[in-house]
Amino acid sequence: GFMPPADARWQTVAAAPGGGEVICHNDLAPWNTVFVGQRPVAFIDWDMAAPGPRRWDVAYALWHFVPLYGDEESDPFPVDVFEPRGRRTRLFCDAYELSDREGLVDTIIDRQFGMRTMVEKGAEAGDPALQRLWDLGAPDGIKRQVDYVERHRTELERALD
């Protein structure tokens, strides 16, 4: 039932085009989660929050919590074995009670490309944090992650059925 004030100002750099029915975190990932032991208890760092559709944040969270990296240096699972990611994606959506999963893989890819664009434009504009991500090679890493999701699209969509 939350209705933001009509004059509310939102960070739009990572926001869903056209807004939506909830306030999305827009950077929902392990690095913005407070854990007590192994249990997540809170999300922090809401500086990119803005209205958006639920699946906008779900797609981003899947990317980073499953994770959908396919990168030997940062992925907890063997890169050549996709199954744990499919199972974890399905379990996440089940726990969230996300019943409409059609097009979710496309939304994940849209979020990945959106983040890559945000880093690129922010670095060009002189944002120090985004310049640092650029210098660390984040855009190339994100592109590899997009390629990984696209290569495993069929397996991921099958897991979501």
Foldseek 3Di string as FASTA:
>chain_A
DDDDDPPDDAQPLQADPPFADDWAQSQDAPVQFDDDVNRTDDGDDSRRITGDYPLLNLLNHLCHVLPLQLDPVPDPDPSVDCVSSLQSNQVSCVVVVPPPCPCSLVSNLVSLVSVLVSLVVCLVVPPVVSVVCVVVPVNVSSVNSSVSSVVCVVVNVVSND
